[in-house]
Amino acid sequence: MAKLEIIGFDVSNWVRAARIACEEKGVAYELTTNGMTGLGDLKSDKHLKLHPFGRIPAMRHGDVVLFETAAIARYVDGMFDGPALVPDDALEAARMEQWVCALMDYATRSVMGRCVNQYVIPQLTGSGKVDRATIDASIPDIRDHLAILNKALSKGPFLHGKVPYIDDFILMPMIDGLVVVAPEGPGLLEGAPNVARHRKAFQDRPSYAATIPQMFRKAA
């Protein structure tokens, strides 16, 4: 059977979340760029055949093509043997969907879009221009979102207790990016100790080391 392929750039928090799903499930996969060499290639005809919105990640598994991290993680969970990536309890599964949506709709915009990516994209494009005003304006929202997550993780270390699921896979790369890439990150996380504990719990899992972006390794 064809090997599962995760398509995108390793620095993307969404690509990393999809890879973590594979790692936690124990599924062999290959990370590729499908010939992309830069951000401009996201809108190429070749990539748009895989992801019609020109984003990452996409997934290819034989004749099956999917896009969007949550869908890819669900596919990995349903199609392969291994530890469950969704809670068995119906209420907890609904809560997982709640956090997946909240992270995608709210937290990623403040943490990634308006802060972390403002540092990452200039490195990828070589422009060197950091949008300081956008970053500064994101800080109050990041603090608010970290406070919400800190409360949700009070029983931790993960969102559902001792076992991480798809919502945890999505959360951790955002927080890791905030800490590693943004100079403001470590200070912000000091105010959210349960979120810091969530990241530390992941750092003790093989899926963390297996998916560290090259840019983060250089930063360390």
Protein backbone atom coordinates (compact mmCIF):
# COMPACT_ATOMS: atom_id res chain seq x y z
CA MET A 1 0.00 0.00 0.00
CA ALA A 2 1.22 3.52 -0.75
CA LYS A 3 2.91 5.43 2.05
CA LEU A 4 0.94 8.30 3.46
CA GLU A 5 2.33 11.68 2.42
CA ILE A 6 2.00 14.92 4.39
CA ILE A 7 2.58 17.84 2.06
CA GLY A 8 3.80 21.23 3.25
CA PHE A 9 6.65 23.03 5.00
CA ASP A 10 7.80 21.73 8.36
CA VAL A 11 7.71 25.18 10.00
CA SER A 12 3.91 25.32 9.66
CA ASN A 13 2.13 24.61 12.93
CA TRP A 14 -0.66 22.93 10.94
CA VAL A 15 1.76 20.65 9.12
CA ARG A 16 3.37 19.80 12.43
CA ALA A 17 0.01 18.95 13.99
CA ALA A 18 -0.77 16.56 11.13
CA ARG A 19 2.64 14.96 11.55
CA ILE A 20 2.09 14.59 15.29
CA ALA A 21 -1.15 12.73 14.53
CA CYS A 22 0.83 10.28 12.40
CA GLU A 23 3.55 9.92 15.01
CA GLU A 24 1.09 9.36 17.87
CA LYS A 25 -0.88 6.83 15.80
CA GLY A 26 2.32 5.03 14.80
CA VAL A 27 1.72 5.53 11.08
CA ALA A 28 4.63 5.68 8.65
CA TYR A 29 4.51 8.83 6.54
CA GLU A 30 6.68 11.01 4.37
CA LEU A 31 6.89 14.79 4.69
CA THR A 32 7.24 16.36 1.25
CA THR A 33 6.77 19.75 -0.36
CA ASN A 34 5.43 18.24 -3.61
CA GLY A 35 7.98 20.33 -5.46
CA MET A 36 7.24 23.61 -3.65
CA THR A 37 10.31 25.69 -2.84
CA GLY A 38 8.71 28.80 -1.35
CA LEU A 39 5.49 30.39 -0.16
CA GLY A 40 4.62 31.56 -3.66
CA ASP A 41 4.23 27.95 -4.77
CA LEU A 42 1.21 27.54 -2.50
CA LYS A 43 -0.84 29.17 -5.26
CA SER A 44 0.68 27.07 -8.05
CA ASP A 45 -1.63 24.95 -10.18
CA LYS A 46 0.16 21.84 -8.94
CA HIS A 47 -0.51 22.58 -5.29
CA LEU A 48 -4.04 23.88 -5.86
CA LYS A 49 -4.95 20.42 -7.15
CA LEU A 50 -4.21 19.13 -3.65
CA HIS A 51 -5.45 22.09 -1.61
CA PRO A 52 -7.85 24.32 -3.55
CA PHE A 53 -7.42 27.17 -1.05
CA GLY A 54 -3.64 27.20 -1.48
CA ARG A 55 -2.75 26.38 2.12
CA ILE A 56 -0.98 23.58 3.97
CA PRO A 57 -1.03 20.78 4.87
CA ALA A 58 -2.43 18.50 2.24
CA MET A 59 -2.32 14.72 2.40
CA ARG A 60 -1.94 12.09 -0.28
CA HIS A 61 -2.40 8.39 0.36
CA GLY A 62 -2.54 6.45 -2.86
CA ASP A 63 -5.57 7.86 -4.68
CA VAL A 64 -6.86 9.65 -1.58
CA VAL A 65 -6.21 13.38 -1.29
CA LEU A 66 -7.30 15.45 1.71
CA PHE A 67 -6.59 18.94 2.98
CA GLU A 68 -6.88 20.59 6.40
CA THR A 69 -5.22 19.30 9.54
CA ALA A 70 -8.30 18.11 11.43
CA ALA A 71 -9.54 16.10 8.45
CA ILE A 72 -6.11 14.54 7.95
CA ALA A 73 -5.88 13.60 11.63
CA ARG A 74 -9.35 12.05 11.49
CA TYR A 75 -8.35 10.04 8.43
CA VAL A 76 -5.19 8.80 10.11
CA ASP A 77 -7.19 7.83 13.19
CA GLY A 78 -9.90 6.00 11.26
CA MET A 79 -7.82 4.24 8.62
CA PHE A 80 -4.96 2.84 10.69
CA ASP A 81 -4.49 0.71 13.77
CA GLY A 82 -2.97 2.33 16.83
CA PRO A 83 -3.85 4.48 19.82
CA ALA A 84 -7.10 6.40 19.49
CA LEU A 85 -6.69 10.06 18.55
CA VAL A 86 -10.28 10.90 19.59
CA PRO A 87 -11.71 10.27 23.08
CA ASP A 88 -14.03 7.26 23.33
CA ASP A 89 -16.47 9.16 25.53
CA ALA A 90 -19.02 11.03 23.40
CA LEU A 91 -18.96 14.15 25.57
CA GLU A 92 -15.18 14.32 25.57
CA ALA A 93 -15.16 13.78 21.80
CA ALA A 94 -17.52 16.75 21.48
CA ARG A 95 -15.26 18.79 23.73
CA MET A 96 -12.34 17.86 21.51
CA GLU A 97 -14.21 19.23 18.49
CA GLN A 98 -14.99 22.35 20.52
CA TRP A 99 -11.30 22.98 21.18
CA VAL A 100 -10.25 22.13 17.64
CA CYS A 101 -12.67 24.78 16.35
CA ALA A 102 -11.69 27.33 18.99
CA LEU A 103 -7.99 26.89 18.30
CA MET A 104 -8.54 27.19 14.55
CA ASP A 105 -10.90 30.16 14.76
CA TYR A 106 -9.39 32.21 17.57
CA ALA A 107 -6.04 31.19 19.03
CA THR A 108 -4.26 30.67 15.74
CA ARG A 109 -5.13 34.20 14.63
CA SER A 110 -3.59 35.84 17.68
CA VAL A 111 -0.71 33.48 18.43
CA MET A 112 0.34 32.52 14.92
CA GLY A 113 -1.12 34.97 12.41
CA ARG A 114 -0.44 38.20 14.28
CA CYS A 115 2.64 37.21 16.27
CA VAL A 116 4.71 34.11 15.43
CA ASN A 117 4.25 34.33 11.67
CA GLN A 118 5.32 37.96 11.73
CA TYR A 119 8.76 36.66 12.71
CA VAL A 120 8.73 33.50 10.57
CA ILE A 121 7.58 34.87 7.22
CA PRO A 122 10.33 37.53 6.92
CA GLN A 123 12.86 34.74 7.44
CA LEU A 124 11.24 32.59 4.76
CA THR A 125 10.96 35.42 2.25
CA GLY A 126 14.27 37.10 3.11
CA SER A 127 12.58 40.47 3.58
CA GLY A 128 13.81 40.86 7.16
CA LYS A 129 10.91 43.26 7.85
CA VAL A 130 9.02 42.46 11.05
CA ASP A 131 5.63 44.13 11.49
CA ARG A 132 6.15 45.44 15.00
CA ALA A 133 2.77 47.15 15.22
CA THR A 134 0.88 43.95 14.39
CA ILE A 135 2.87 41.96 16.94
CA ASP A 136 2.38 44.54 19.69
CA ALA A 137 -1.34 44.70 19.02
CA SER A 138 -1.62 40.90 19.29
CA ILE A 139 -0.23 40.66 22.83
CA PRO A 140 -3.44 41.48 24.77
CA ASP A 141 -5.40 38.90 22.77
CA ILE A 142 -2.68 36.30 23.25
CA ARG A 143 -2.77 36.89 27.00
CA ASP A 144 -6.56 36.48 26.98
CA HIS A 145 -6.41 33.29 24.94
CA LEU A 146 -3.64 31.83 27.09
CA ALA A 147 -5.75 32.54 30.18
CA ILE A 148 -8.67 30.62 28.66
CA LEU A 149 -6.41 27.71 27.77
CA ASN A 150 -4.74 27.82 31.17
CA LYS A 151 -8.13 27.32 32.82
CA ALA A 152 -9.04 24.51 30.43
CA LEU A 153 -5.78 22.74 31.25
CA SER A 154 -6.22 22.96 35.02
CA LYS A 155 -6.58 19.18 35.34
CA GLY A 156 -3.96 18.51 32.63
CA PRO A 157 -1.43 17.97 31.48
CA PHE A 158 -3.54 17.65 28.32
CA LEU A 159 -6.98 19.00 27.47
CA HIS A 160 -8.63 15.69 28.38
CA GLY A 161 -6.34 14.61 31.18
CA LYS A 162 -3.41 12.26 30.80
CA VAL A 163 -3.78 11.37 27.11
CA PRO A 164 -3.33 13.83 24.21
CA TYR A 165 -5.83 13.93 21.37
CA ILE A 166 -6.23 15.89 18.13
CA ASP A 167 -6.95 19.20 19.86
CA ASP A 168 -3.72 18.81 21.84
CA PHE A 169 -1.83 18.10 18.62
CA ILE A 170 -3.11 21.40 17.24
CA LEU A 171 -2.42 23.42 20.38
CA MET A 172 1.15 22.35 21.09
CA PRO A 173 2.78 23.61 17.83
CA MET A 174 1.24 27.04 18.38
CA ILE A 175 2.63 27.31 21.88
CA ASP A 176 5.97 25.86 20.86
CA GLY A 177 6.24 28.43 18.08
CA LEU A 178 5.34 31.22 20.46
CA VAL A 179 8.08 30.20 22.90
CA VAL A 180 10.82 29.40 20.39
CA VAL A 181 10.26 32.10 17.77
CA ALA A 182 8.72 35.13 19.47
CA PRO A 183 10.91 37.00 21.99
CA GLU A 184 7.70 37.81 23.88
CA GLY A 185 6.72 34.15 24.10
CA PRO A 186 8.51 32.93 27.24
CA GLY A 187 7.24 35.90 29.25
CA LEU A 188 3.69 35.37 28.05
CA LEU A 189 3.83 31.70 29.00
CA GLU A 190 4.94 32.55 32.53
CA GLY A 191 1.41 33.81 33.09
CA ALA A 192 -0.09 30.50 31.93
CA PRO A 193 1.66 27.72 33.87
CA ASN A 194 -0.81 25.02 32.82
CA VAL A 195 -0.15 25.83 29.17
CA ALA A 196 3.57 25.59 29.90
CA ARG A 197 2.93 22.20 31.53
CA HIS A 198 1.09 21.07 28.38
CA ARG A 199 4.13 21.93 26.25
CA LYS A 200 6.49 20.21 28.70
CA ALA A 201 4.35 17.06 28.65
CA PHE A 202 4.67 16.98 24.86
CA GLN A 203 8.41 17.52 25.02
CA ASP A 204 8.61 14.21 26.87
CA ARG A 205 6.87 12.38 23.99
CA PRO A 206 8.69 11.04 20.88
CA SER A 207 6.25 12.90 18.61
CA TYR A 208 7.68 16.22 19.79
CA ALA A 209 11.30 15.54 18.83
CA ALA A 210 10.29 13.84 15.59
CA THR A 211 8.46 16.93 14.33
CA ILE A 212 10.64 19.87 15.40
CA PRO A 213 10.93 22.31 12.46
CA GLN A 214 14.43 22.98 11.19
CA MET A 215 14.00 26.69 11.90
CA PHE A 216 13.34 25.87 15.56
CA ARG A 217 16.46 23.69 15.75
CA LYS A 218 18.51 26.61 14.46
CA ALA A 219 16.85 28.97 16.96
CA ALA A 220 17.76 26.62 19.81
